[in-house]
Amino acid sequence: MKGIDTLLLSVLFTLSSAAPAPSQEEYDFIIVGGGAAGLIAADRLSETGKSVLLLERGPPSTWKHGGRNGPEWAVENKLTRYDIPGLCNQIWMDSAGIACEDIDQMAGCVLGGGTAINAGLFFKPTNRDWDYNFPEGWKAKDMVAATNRVFKRIPSTDVPSQDGKRYFQESYNVLSAALGKAGWKGITANASPNQKNRTFAHTPFMYINGERGGPLATYLVSARARKNFKLAVNSTVERVVRKGGVITGVEVVPFGEGGLNATINVKQKTGKVILAAGVFGTTKILFRSGIGPLDQLAIVKTAEADKLVPEEEWISLPVGNNTMDHTNTDLVVSHPDVVPYDYYAAWDAPIEQDKQDYIEHRSGPLAGAAPSPNTMFWEAIPGIDGVERQLQWTARVEGSLGAEGDNLITLSQYLGTGYETRGKLTINPYLSMVTARSPYAATEGDIDAQIKGVASVVAALNATGSGFTFVFPPEGVDAVEYVKTYLGGKRSNHWLGTSKLGTDDGRKPGGTAVVDTNTKVYGTDNLFVIDASIFPGHVTHNPSAAIMIAAERAVERILKLRN
């Protein structure tokens, strides 16, 4: 059996699945999007005693929150595909009902967003991630309390199996040996967040007790225990309702079974709407609310003129202009000591002992992410333009770029903090989101950093006695040629930046910011963005933790505002 999906929303969620939320009910806060940022906000705002409504477009995910989607053997044991770390890669085989269908990239339209479907990698940001990218009020010194709160609730682990063993460490063993001989240093990633130059580590994850942890297992649990908090799933916010800069509520339509169909209001004079629908979802809502570049608003007007605010109320802001993703470059090596594991087969026919170890003890291979991304390493590259660029490498036990075999490791280079290329996100006449300009390395400085990073790793792993054989780049192809002719996928799905936070009001000539340092959308009184969209620049690591920390900081600042 491929899987089952029973949604018991009328029992499991505060808002009934049988009827829409009463439009006459007003809230202090309406949060749009139940992903990394929205779940943090839901908990932090509801703990104040104020009324909070969280609207999530997608269905429930983990078992605790009403999800029932998974292989038969898991569902029989009250587990879903989202709960079990070893099933995370199934998204690339079967994303029906999970992946958003109105964008040209992979993103999760499900409760938890990316934190429900990703591999769970969880890193404390470096100080430079804040200091280089963000304005005053958002520097590393300002983010300490928010960081501590996130990691108190979601302590990372680099030993996810509950028997205390690390599984499939062959890749770590051979890579760390070669890197160590080349002068690189082993660290514990989150104990040394600022040591990210020629260092390597066991990968830290957000898993808790052998299951997917993150904000679903922590922040959302405490929020749902409060009577002043309500959650609605399968409910898409199309736009905010506004008169000029005053937002009065949101328009909601059903996305799936039990979804709401209503205009829901915030309290007059004091209510706030907080967008946390992710880079693609938040951008789309802003466009459909008459907020963004005028050419994009004109497209929306053509598609739904009867629903868009009048042109005299349009707010011209550079929404979508700062689109970022880690630029990915894959290398592929083979090593005779490396042992693969068939995580895809675990969906229908897991190895019996591994299944029992997981069900009974939350231990074994299925307690870890697929496909064994157990090794991380980093290097900082001095830029030819004077700007240092941060590289992160993730090693996973599988081939890529068409390479097949049993002893393969793919090394994925992510170009992060300091990179300057920016893409652009737009909307088409069918109201789908389109990456109109690529965010991947295009400047001389960015490409130079990629090349130097590839050359450095190739040199380290090519050392005599390392045991590695390079598949990509193939013999005779140097780093310069490899990077400049690279035809592999450059996407990492670490999207940031479309509603840039800053002090330079984007309504003014030369302004680049969409939200101010309180995360309030310029030109509005009570509309905020707190998700991955607000990042001015990219970060060193997989960004889940950084997004949560930013949301914690945003809520701090929102709560200090006078109505």
Protein backbone atom coordinates (compact mmCIF):
# COMPACT_ATOMS: atom_id res chain seq x y z
CA MET A 1 0.00 0.00 0.00
CA LYS A 2 1.46 3.35 -1.01
CA GLY A 3 -0.02 5.30 1.88
CA ILE A 4 -3.17 6.65 3.48
CA ASP A 5 -4.18 10.14 4.45
CA THR A 6 -7.12 10.60 6.81
CA LEU A 7 -7.74 14.13 8.03
CA LEU A 8 -9.60 14.20 11.34
CA LEU A 9 -9.62 17.96 11.50
CA SER A 10 -12.91 18.39 13.35
CA VAL A 11 -11.43 16.44 16.25
CA LEU A 12 -7.79 17.41 16.09
CA PHE A 13 -7.94 21.10 15.31
CA THR A 14 -9.50 23.92 17.22
CA LEU A 15 -11.37 25.14 14.13
CA SER A 16 -13.90 22.62 12.90
CA SER A 17 -13.42 21.06 9.50
CA ALA A 18 -17.17 21.05 9.00
CA ALA A 19 -17.69 24.81 8.84
CA PRO A 20 -15.77 27.97 8.04
CA ALA A 21 -14.44 30.18 10.78
CA PRO A 22 -17.08 32.77 11.68
CA SER A 23 -16.17 35.93 9.82
CA GLN A 24 -17.42 38.08 12.68
CA GLU A 25 -14.73 36.77 15.03
CA GLU A 26 -11.76 39.12 15.24
CA TYR A 27 -8.20 38.34 16.29
CA ASP A 28 -5.32 40.25 17.79
CA PHE A 29 -2.96 38.43 15.43
CA ILE A 30 -3.53 36.51 12.23
CA ILE A 31 -0.45 34.55 11.13
CA VAL A 32 -0.35 33.35 7.54
CA GLY A 33 1.80 30.24 7.07
CA GLY A 34 2.66 27.41 9.43
CA GLY A 35 6.31 26.89 8.54
CA ALA A 36 9.60 27.62 10.29
CA ALA A 37 8.69 31.23 11.12
CA GLY A 38 4.93 30.98 11.51
CA LEU A 39 5.10 28.25 14.15
CA ILE A 40 7.53 30.28 16.24
CA ALA A 41 5.25 33.32 16.02
CA ALA A 42 2.18 31.24 16.87
CA ASP A 43 3.71 30.17 20.17
CA ARG A 44 5.35 33.44 21.14
CA LEU A 45 2.31 35.57 20.36
CA SER A 46 -0.23 33.23 21.95
CA GLU A 47 1.76 33.07 25.18
CA THR A 48 0.95 36.77 25.67
CA GLY A 49 -2.72 35.89 26.11
CA LYS A 50 -3.73 37.68 22.92
CA SER A 51 -5.99 35.89 20.44
CA VAL A 52 -4.03 34.24 17.63
CA LEU A 53 -5.20 32.51 14.45
CA LEU A 54 -2.67 30.53 12.40
CA LEU A 55 -3.72 29.80 8.83
CA GLU A 56 -1.85 27.04 6.99
CA ARG A 57 -2.44 26.39 3.32
CA GLY A 58 -1.52 22.72 3.38
CA PRO A 59 -2.68 19.61 5.24
CA PRO A 60 -1.41 18.39 8.61
CA SER A 61 1.89 16.54 8.60
CA THR A 62 3.17 14.73 11.69
CA TRP A 63 0.97 12.29 13.58
CA LYS A 64 0.78 14.52 16.64
CA HIS A 65 -0.91 17.24 14.60
CA GLY A 66 -3.35 15.07 12.67
CA GLY A 67 -1.27 13.83 9.74
CA ARG A 68 -1.88 10.30 8.51
CA ASN A 69 0.20 10.20 5.33
CA GLY A 70 2.74 7.41 5.29
CA PRO A 71 3.48 3.80 4.40
CA GLU A 72 1.20 1.23 5.98
CA TRP A 73 3.82 -0.06 8.41
CA ALA A 74 4.34 3.45 9.78
CA VAL A 75 0.67 4.43 10.06
CA GLU A 76 -0.05 1.18 11.90
CA ASN A 77 2.40 2.43 14.52
CA LYS A 78 1.02 5.99 14.65
CA LEU A 79 3.79 7.46 12.54
CA THR A 80 3.74 9.38 9.28
CA ARG A 81 6.29 9.90 6.53
CA TYR A 82 7.11 13.23 8.19
CA ASP A 83 7.85 11.72 11.60
CA ILE A 84 10.48 9.25 10.41
CA PRO A 85 13.83 10.86 9.51
CA GLY A 86 14.83 8.07 7.14
CA LEU A 87 11.81 8.72 4.90
CA CYS A 88 12.61 12.38 4.26
CA ASN A 89 13.92 11.75 0.74
CA GLN A 90 10.58 10.26 -0.32
CA ILE A 91 9.55 13.80 -1.25
CA TRP A 92 11.63 13.42 -4.44
CA MET A 93 9.69 10.28 -5.40
CA ASP A 94 6.20 11.19 -4.26
CA SER A 95 5.30 14.81 -3.57
CA ALA A 96 1.61 14.70 -4.51
CA GLY A 97 -0.45 16.72 -2.05
CA ILE A 98 2.71 18.02 -0.37
CA ALA A 99 4.66 20.14 -2.84
CA CYS A 100 3.26 23.54 -3.79
CA GLU A 101 1.88 23.44 -7.32
CA ASP A 102 1.82 27.17 -8.08
CA ILE A 103 5.57 27.78 -8.10
CA ASP A 104 8.40 26.67 -10.37
CA GLN A 105 10.52 25.25 -7.54
CA MET A 106 10.16 22.59 -4.85
CA ALA A 107 8.53 23.82 -1.64
CA GLY A 108 6.35 22.18 0.97
CA CYS A 109 2.69 23.22 1.19
CA VAL A 110 2.04 21.28 4.38
CA LEU A 111 1.90 22.10 8.09
CA GLY A 112 5.51 22.75 9.07
CA GLY A 113 6.54 23.84 5.58
CA GLY A 114 10.15 22.98 4.86
CA THR A 115 10.71 21.84 8.44
CA ALA A 116 8.24 18.99 7.82
CA ILE A 117 9.87 17.64 4.68
CA ASN A 118 13.56 18.52 4.74
CA ALA A 119 16.46 16.47 6.09
CA GLY A 120 16.42 18.37 9.36
CA LEU A 121 19.91 19.89 9.25
CA PHE A 122 20.10 22.50 12.02
CA PHE A 123 22.94 24.97 12.49
CA LYS A 124 23.65 27.91 14.74
CA PRO A 125 24.41 30.83 12.41
CA THR A 126 27.83 32.44 12.42
CA ASN A 127 28.14 35.97 13.79
CA ARG A 128 28.99 37.12 10.29
CA ASP A 129 25.67 35.83 8.97
CA TRP A 130 24.03 38.62 10.98
CA ASP A 131 26.79 41.24 11.03
CA TYR A 132 27.47 41.20 7.29
CA ASN A 133 23.88 40.93 6.11
CA PHE A 134 21.65 42.81 8.53
CA PRO A 135 21.26 46.43 9.71
CA GLU A 136 21.50 47.73 13.27
CA GLY A 137 19.12 46.01 15.63
CA TRP A 138 19.76 42.70 13.88
CA LYS A 139 23.48 42.26 14.46
CA ALA A 140 24.93 39.16 16.13
CA LYS A 141 24.86 40.84 19.54
CA ASP A 142 21.14 41.52 19.10
CA MET A 143 20.39 37.92 18.14
CA VAL A 144 21.88 36.15 21.18
CA ALA A 145 18.65 35.90 23.17
CA ALA A 146 16.64 34.75 20.16
CA THR A 147 19.27 32.13 19.32
CA ASN A 148 19.26 30.82 22.87
CA ARG A 149 15.48 30.55 22.90
CA VAL A 150 15.42 28.53 19.68
CA PHE A 151 18.15 26.13 20.74
CA LYS A 152 16.64 25.70 24.19
CA ARG A 153 13.42 24.51 22.57
CA ILE A 154 15.11 22.62 19.74
CA PRO A 155 18.48 21.28 20.88
CA SER A 156 20.37 19.90 17.92
CA THR A 157 21.90 16.44 17.88
CA ASP A 158 24.56 14.80 15.75
CA VAL A 159 23.61 11.36 17.14
CA PRO A 160 19.93 11.03 16.16
CA SER A 161 19.61 7.28 16.82
CA GLN A 162 18.39 6.65 20.36
CA ASP A 163 20.84 3.80 20.92
CA GLY A 164 23.65 6.35 20.90
CA LYS A 165 25.26 4.97 17.75
CA ARG A 166 26.14 6.80 14.57
CA TYR A 167 25.15 4.81 11.49
CA PHE A 168 26.82 4.80 8.07
CA GLN A 169 29.84 6.78 9.18
CA GLU A 170 32.11 5.39 6.47
CA SER A 171 31.76 8.59 4.47
CA TYR A 172 32.65 10.69 7.50
CA ASN A 173 35.62 8.48 8.32
CA VAL A 174 37.24 8.66 4.90
CA LEU A 175 36.47 12.35 4.33
CA SER A 176 37.64 13.48 7.76
CA ALA A 177 40.85 11.48 7.36
CA ALA A 178 41.65 13.13 4.03
CA LEU A 179 40.66 16.62 5.16
CA GLY A 180 42.60 16.22 8.39
CA LYS A 181 45.76 15.31 6.49
CA ALA A 182 45.24 18.43 4.38
CA GLY A 183 45.20 20.61 7.49
CA TRP A 184 41.48 20.90 8.11
CA LYS A 185 40.19 20.67 11.70
CA GLY A 186 37.38 18.60 13.18
CA ILE A 187 34.81 20.49 15.29
CA THR A 188 31.36 20.07 16.82
CA ALA A 189 29.36 22.29 14.50
CA ASN A 190 27.01 24.01 16.94
CA ALA A 191 29.55 24.22 19.75
CA SER A 192 31.80 26.22 17.42
CA PRO A 193 29.43 28.17 15.16
CA ASN A 194 32.07 30.70 14.14
CA GLN A 195 34.78 28.17 13.23
CA LYS A 196 33.72 27.62 9.64
CA ASN A 197 36.96 27.87 7.72
CA ARG A 198 38.70 24.63 6.76
CA THR A 199 36.75 22.71 9.39
CA PHE A 200 34.56 19.59 9.28
CA ALA A 201 31.93 18.07 11.55
CA HIS A 202 29.29 15.44 12.09
CA THR A 203 26.02 16.90 10.82
CA PRO A 204 23.68 18.34 13.49
CA PHE A 205 19.94 17.70 13.11
CA MET A 206 16.74 19.09 14.63
CA TYR A 207 15.49 15.58 15.46
CA ILE A 208 14.16 14.91 18.95
CA ASN A 209 13.91 11.42 20.49
CA GLY A 210 14.53 9.78 17.14
CA GLU A 211 11.70 11.58 15.34
CA ARG A 212 11.36 14.80 13.39
CA GLY A 213 11.54 17.57 15.94
CA GLY A 214 11.82 21.22 15.05
CA PRO A 215 8.99 23.69 15.65
CA LEU A 216 6.30 21.08 14.94
CA ALA A 217 7.34 19.08 18.01
CA THR A 218 7.91 22.08 20.26
CA TYR A 219 6.52 25.53 19.47
CA LEU A 220 3.29 24.29 17.88
CA VAL A 221 2.61 21.84 20.70
CA SER A 222 2.69 24.57 23.35
CA ALA A 223 0.70 26.98 21.17
CA ARG A 224 -2.09 24.45 20.62
CA ALA A 225 -2.42 23.92 24.36
CA ARG A 226 -3.72 27.50 24.76
CA LYS A 227 -7.39 28.40 24.48
CA ASN A 228 -6.57 31.73 22.83
CA PHE A 229 -4.87 29.99 19.90
CA LYS A 230 -6.61 28.56 16.85
CA LEU A 231 -5.20 26.68 13.88
CA ALA A 232 -6.79 26.09 10.49
CA VAL A 233 -5.17 23.86 7.87
CA ASN A 234 -6.01 23.42 4.18
CA SER A 235 -6.81 27.14 4.12
CA THR A 236 -5.17 29.45 1.57
CA VAL A 237 -4.89 33.17 2.19
CA GLU A 238 -5.29 34.85 -1.18
CA ARG A 239 -4.70 38.43 -0.04
CA VAL A 240 -4.86 40.78 2.88
CA VAL A 241 -7.87 43.06 3.03
CA ARG A 242 -6.78 46.66 3.30
CA LYS A 243 -7.80 50.26 2.95
CA GLY A 244 -4.67 52.19 2.14
CA GLY A 245 -2.08 51.11 4.68
CA VAL A 246 -4.56 49.71 7.19
CA ILE A 247 -5.04 45.95 7.03
CA THR A 248 -8.40 44.82 8.33
CA GLY A 249 -8.13 41.10 7.70
CA VAL A 250 -7.45 38.33 5.20
CA GLU A 251 -9.43 36.56 2.50
CA VAL A 252 -9.25 32.78 2.84
CA VAL A 253 -10.33 30.02 0.44
CA PRO A 254 -10.21 26.23 0.86
CA PHE A 255 -7.10 24.44 -0.36
CA GLY A 256 -8.29 20.99 0.69
CA GLU A 257 -10.71 19.10 2.88
CA GLY A 258 -12.10 21.24 5.68
CA GLY A 259 -10.44 24.42 4.47
CA LEU A 260 -11.91 27.77 5.42
CA ASN A 261 -13.87 30.01 3.09
CA ALA A 262 -14.18 33.40 4.73
CA THR A 263 -12.93 36.91 5.25
CA ILE A 264 -11.40 36.91 8.71
CA ASN A 265 -10.66 40.17 10.47
CA VAL A 266 -8.16 41.45 12.97
CA LYS A 267 -9.25 43.75 15.76
CA GLN A 268 -9.71 47.35 14.74
CA LYS A 269 -6.85 49.70 15.61
CA THR A 270 -4.76 47.05 17.39
CA GLY A 271 -4.87 43.89 15.24
CA LYS A 272 -1.91 42.76 13.15
CA VAL A 273 -1.47 40.43 10.18
CA ILE A 274 1.83 38.57 10.01
CA LEU A 275 2.95 36.91 6.79
CA ALA A 276 5.07 33.79 7.22
CA ALA A 277 4.14 31.86 4.09
CA GLY A 278 7.71 31.50 2.85
CA VAL A 279 9.56 33.18 0.02
CA PHE A 280 7.05 32.11 -2.62
CA GLY A 281 3.83 32.25 -0.63
CA THR A 282 4.47 35.60 1.03
CA THR A 283 5.53 37.18 -2.25
CA LYS A 284 2.35 35.97 -3.95
CA ILE A 285 0.13 37.29 -1.17
CA LEU A 286 1.82 40.69 -1.30
CA PHE A 287 1.39 40.91 -5.07
CA ARG A 288 -2.30 39.95 -4.81
CA SER A 289 -2.70 42.55 -2.07
CA GLY A 290 -1.48 45.36 -4.32
CA ILE A 291 2.02 45.49 -2.82
CA GLY A 292 5.06 45.05 -5.04
CA PRO A 293 6.62 46.26 -8.30
CA LEU A 294 4.06 48.03 -10.46
CA ASP A 295 4.62 45.70 -13.41
CA GLN A 296 3.77 42.71 -11.23
CA LEU A 297 0.67 44.39 -9.84
CA ALA A 298 -0.45 45.08 -13.40
CA ILE A 299 -0.26 41.34 -14.13
CA VAL A 300 -2.40 40.62 -11.07
CA LYS A 301 -4.88 43.29 -12.16
CA THR A 302 -5.28 41.60 -15.52
CA ALA A 303 -5.93 38.27 -13.81
CA GLU A 304 -8.28 39.43 -11.05
CA ALA A 305 -9.08 43.13 -11.36
CA ASP A 306 -12.31 42.75 -9.40
CA LYS A 307 -10.39 41.57 -6.33
CA LEU A 308 -7.34 43.84 -6.38
CA VAL A 309 -7.31 47.15 -4.52
CA PRO A 310 -7.64 50.26 -6.74
CA GLU A 311 -4.45 51.50 -8.40
CA GLU A 312 -4.38 54.59 -6.22
CA GLU A 313 -3.87 52.26 -3.24
CA TRP A 314 -1.07 50.23 -4.77
CA ILE A 315 2.15 50.27 -2.74
CA SER A 316 5.21 50.18 -4.99
CA LEU A 317 7.88 48.10 -3.26
CA PRO A 318 10.70 45.88 -4.63
CA VAL A 319 9.08 42.61 -3.55
CA GLY A 320 10.83 39.69 -5.26
CA ASN A 321 13.92 41.64 -6.31
CA ASN A 322 16.36 40.18 -3.77
CA THR A 323 15.73 36.48 -4.43
CA MET A 324 18.49 34.16 -3.18
CA ASP A 325 19.31 30.47 -3.00
CA HIS A 326 22.57 28.76 -2.16
CA THR A 327 24.35 28.11 -5.45
CA ASN A 328 24.95 24.36 -5.55
CA THR A 329 27.88 22.68 -7.31
CA ASP A 330 28.19 18.90 -7.00
CA LEU A 331 31.36 16.84 -7.01
CA VAL A 332 31.11 13.04 -7.10
CA VAL A 333 33.75 10.68 -5.70
CA SER A 334 33.94 6.97 -5.07
CA HIS A 335 35.64 5.18 -2.20
CA PRO A 336 35.74 1.41 -1.58
CA ASP A 337 34.86 1.82 2.12
CA VAL A 338 31.57 3.61 1.49
CA VAL A 339 28.37 1.61 2.00
CA PRO A 340 25.01 2.86 0.62
CA TYR A 341 21.59 2.25 2.17
CA ASP A 342 18.38 1.97 0.17
CA TYR A 343 16.17 4.48 1.96
CA TYR A 344 13.66 4.51 -0.88
CA ALA A 345 13.02 0.78 -0.40
CA ALA A 346 12.21 1.46 3.25
CA TRP A 347 8.90 3.00 2.19
CA ASP A 348 7.28 -0.25 1.07
CA ALA A 349 9.70 -2.90 2.28
CA PRO A 350 12.05 -1.79 5.06
CA ILE A 351 14.61 -4.26 6.34
CA GLU A 352 12.71 -6.02 9.11
CA GLN A 353 15.33 -5.52 11.82
CA ASP A 354 15.71 -1.85 10.92
CA LYS A 355 11.95 -1.39 11.03
CA GLN A 356 11.67 -3.01 14.44
CA ASP A 357 14.63 -1.07 15.82
CA TYR A 358 12.94 2.13 14.79
CA ILE A 359 9.40 1.29 15.89
CA GLU A 360 10.45 -0.12 19.25
CA HIS A 361 13.45 2.03 20.12
CA ARG A 362 13.64 4.93 17.61
CA SER A 363 17.09 3.67 16.72
CA GLY A 364 18.96 2.40 13.70
CA PRO A 365 19.28 3.67 10.12
CA LEU A 366 15.72 5.02 9.94
CA ALA A 367 16.40 7.39 12.84
CA GLY A 368 18.81 9.27 10.59
CA ALA A 369 18.24 11.37 7.50
CA ALA A 370 18.39 10.02 3.97
CA PRO A 371 20.70 9.56 2.14
CA SER A 372 23.15 9.64 5.06
CA PRO A 373 24.15 13.35 4.88
CA ASN A 374 26.39 12.80 7.87
CA THR A 375 29.40 14.96 7.03
CA MET A 376 29.73 18.74 6.70
CA PHE A 377 32.75 20.89 5.99
CA TRP A 378 33.36 24.57 5.42
CA GLU A 379 35.81 27.00 3.88
CA ALA A 380 35.94 30.80 3.72
CA ILE A 381 37.28 32.11 0.41
CA PRO A 382 38.90 35.58 0.25
CA GLY A 383 37.21 37.42 -2.59
CA ILE A 384 38.93 39.00 -5.56
CA ASP A 385 36.62 41.96 -4.86
CA GLY A 386 37.61 42.10 -1.18
CA VAL A 387 34.47 40.31 0.04
CA GLU A 388 34.95 36.96 1.77
CA ARG A 389 32.54 34.26 0.63
CA GLN A 390 31.51 31.33 2.76
CA LEU A 391 31.30 27.81 1.36
CA GLN A 392 29.56 24.87 2.98
CA TRP A 393 29.96 21.30 1.72
CA THR A 394 27.42 18.56 2.44
CA ALA A 395 28.42 14.94 1.82
CA ARG A 396 25.69 12.40 1.12
CA VAL A 397 26.01 8.74 0.20
CA GLU A 398 24.61 8.57 -3.32
CA GLY A 399 25.59 9.54 -6.82
CA SER A 400 24.49 12.56 -8.80
CA LEU A 401 25.04 14.06 -12.25
CA GLY A 402 24.08 10.69 -13.70
CA ALA A 403 26.77 8.75 -11.82
CA GLU A 404 25.66 5.35 -10.53
CA GLY A 405 27.36 2.86 -8.25
CA ASP A 406 27.53 1.47 -4.74
CA ASN A 407 30.49 3.41 -3.38
CA LEU A 408 29.62 6.98 -4.35
CA ILE A 409 29.59 10.17 -2.32
CA THR A 410 28.15 13.41 -3.63
CA LEU A 411 29.80 16.53 -2.25
CA SER A 412 27.50 19.54 -2.62
CA GLN A 413 29.11 22.96 -2.42
CA TYR A 414 26.81 25.76 -1.24
CA LEU A 415 27.89 29.34 -1.90
CA GLY A 416 26.58 31.38 1.02
CA THR A 417 27.41 34.46 3.08
CA GLY A 418 29.05 37.16 1.00
CA TYR A 419 27.76 36.07 -2.38
CA GLU A 420 26.30 38.93 -4.40
CA THR A 421 24.24 37.49 -7.27
CA ARG A 422 20.51 38.10 -6.89
CA GLY A 423 17.53 36.66 -8.71
CA LYS A 424 14.00 37.92 -9.19
CA LEU A 425 10.67 36.31 -8.36
CA THR A 426 7.62 37.27 -10.41
CA ILE A 427 4.00 36.25 -10.97
CA ASN A 428 2.50 35.10 -14.26
CA PRO A 429 -1.01 35.68 -15.66
CA TYR A 430 -2.12 32.36 -14.15
CA LEU A 431 -1.05 33.62 -10.70
CA SER A 432 1.80 31.13 -10.40
CA MET A 433 5.19 32.21 -9.10
CA VAL A 434 8.11 32.21 -11.52
CA THR A 435 11.84 32.65 -10.93
CA ALA A 436 12.33 35.18 -13.71
CA ARG A 437 16.01 35.84 -13.01
CA SER A 438 18.34 33.17 -11.69
CA PRO A 439 19.83 33.72 -8.23
CA TYR A 440 22.82 31.51 -8.93
CA ALA A 441 26.43 32.66 -9.08
CA ALA A 442 26.87 35.02 -12.00
CA THR A 443 29.36 37.67 -10.88
CA GLU A 444 33.09 37.30 -11.30
CA GLY A 445 33.62 37.27 -7.54
CA ASP A 446 31.00 34.59 -6.92
CA ILE A 447 32.31 32.31 -9.66
CA ASP A 448 35.90 32.76 -8.49
CA ALA A 449 34.90 31.60 -5.00
CA GLN A 450 33.24 28.51 -6.42
CA ILE A 451 36.34 27.66 -8.45
CA LYS A 452 38.72 28.10 -5.52
CA GLY A 453 36.48 25.99 -3.32
CA VAL A 454 36.36 23.14 -5.83
CA ALA A 455 40.13 23.28 -6.34
CA SER A 456 40.73 23.16 -2.58
CA VAL A 457 38.59 20.07 -2.02
CA VAL A 458 39.90 18.27 -5.09
CA ALA A 459 43.45 18.82 -3.85
CA ALA A 460 42.63 17.50 -0.38
CA LEU A 461 40.89 14.35 -1.61
CA ASN A 462 43.40 13.62 -4.37
CA ALA A 463 46.22 13.21 -1.89
CA THR A 464 48.18 9.97 -2.12
CA GLY A 465 46.62 7.21 -0.06
CA SER A 466 43.22 8.83 0.38
CA GLY A 467 41.48 6.09 -1.58
CA PHE A 468 39.20 8.50 -3.44
CA THR A 469 38.54 8.36 -7.16
CA PHE A 470 36.92 11.40 -8.74
CA VAL A 471 33.97 10.82 -11.04
CA PHE A 472 33.15 14.52 -11.32
CA PRO A 473 35.15 16.48 -12.18
CA PRO A 474 36.56 13.78 -14.45
CA GLU A 475 40.27 13.31 -14.91
CA GLY A 476 41.82 16.08 -16.97
CA VAL A 477 39.19 18.71 -16.10
CA ASP A 478 40.43 21.40 -13.73
CA ALA A 479 38.30 23.45 -11.34
CA VAL A 480 38.05 26.44 -13.67
CA GLU A 481 36.70 24.41 -16.57
CA TYR A 482 34.46 22.34 -14.31
CA VAL A 483 32.70 25.30 -12.71
CA LYS A 484 32.40 27.35 -15.88
CA THR A 485 30.94 24.46 -17.88
CA TYR A 486 28.92 22.91 -15.03
CA LEU A 487 25.60 21.59 -16.30
CA GLY A 488 24.29 20.06 -13.08
CA GLY A 489 21.46 21.48 -11.01
CA LYS A 490 22.41 24.62 -9.12
CA ARG A 491 19.34 24.66 -6.89
CA SER A 492 19.64 23.95 -3.17
CA ASN A 493 16.09 24.96 -2.15
CA HIS A 494 17.34 27.38 0.51
CA TRP A 495 15.32 30.34 -0.72
CA LEU A 496 15.60 33.72 1.00
CA GLY A 497 15.28 37.43 0.51
CA THR A 498 12.21 38.48 -1.48
CA SER A 499 10.93 40.95 1.15
CA LYS A 500 14.25 42.42 2.19
CA LEU A 501 14.57 43.94 5.65
CA GLY A 502 16.31 47.29 5.79
CA THR A 503 16.25 50.99 6.55
CA ASP A 504 16.15 52.13 2.91
CA ASP A 505 12.42 52.37 2.26
CA GLY A 506 11.75 50.67 -1.07
CA ARG A 507 9.06 53.20 -1.99
CA LYS A 508 11.75 55.84 -2.38
CA PRO A 509 14.21 56.20 -5.28
CA GLY A 510 17.08 53.76 -4.80
CA GLY A 511 15.39 52.04 -1.86
CA THR A 512 15.75 48.26 -1.69
CA ALA A 513 13.88 47.27 1.47
CA VAL A 514 10.33 45.91 1.69
CA VAL A 515 10.08 45.77 5.49
CA ASP A 516 11.58 48.00 8.16
CA THR A 517 13.65 46.82 11.13
CA ASN A 518 10.45 45.93 12.98
CA THR A 519 9.53 43.73 9.97
CA LYS A 520 6.59 46.02 9.13
CA VAL A 521 5.86 46.41 5.42
CA TYR A 522 6.65 49.94 4.30
CA GLY A 523 3.50 51.91 3.59
CA THR A 524 1.33 49.86 5.94
CA ASP A 525 0.29 50.28 9.55
CA ASN A 526 -0.10 46.69 10.66
CA LEU A 527 1.26 44.23 8.09
CA PHE A 528 4.43 42.33 8.93
CA VAL A 529 6.68 39.75 7.24
CA ILE A 530 8.80 37.50 9.47
CA ASP A 531 9.88 34.55 7.33
CA ALA A 532 12.82 33.70 5.06
CA SER A 533 11.76 36.57 2.80
CA ILE A 534 13.28 39.23 5.07
CA PHE A 535 16.92 38.12 4.82
CA PRO A 536 19.04 40.78 3.07
CA GLY A 537 21.79 38.26 2.27
CA HIS A 538 22.33 34.52 2.36
CA VAL A 539 23.80 32.62 5.30
CA THR A 540 26.51 30.03 5.81
CA HIS A 541 24.40 26.94 6.49
CA ASN A 542 21.09 25.33 5.69
CA PRO A 543 18.88 28.19 6.89
CA SER A 544 16.11 26.56 8.98
CA ALA A 545 17.57 27.60 12.32
CA ALA A 546 18.43 31.09 11.09
CA ILE A 547 14.84 31.57 9.90
CA MET A 548 13.50 30.51 13.30
CA ILE A 549 15.91 32.83 15.10
CA ALA A 550 14.89 35.72 12.86
CA ALA A 551 11.23 34.98 13.64
CA GLU A 552 11.97 35.02 17.36
CA ARG A 553 13.66 38.39 16.96
CA ALA A 554 10.82 39.72 14.82
CA VAL A 555 8.23 38.79 17.44
CA GLU A 556 10.33 40.55 20.09
CA ARG A 557 10.22 43.74 18.09
CA ILE A 558 6.56 43.47 17.09
CA LEU A 559 5.48 43.06 20.70
CA LYS A 560 7.38 46.20 21.69
CA LEU A 561 5.54 48.35 19.16
CA ARG A 562 2.86 50.69 20.38
CA ASN A 563 -0.48 50.12 18.65
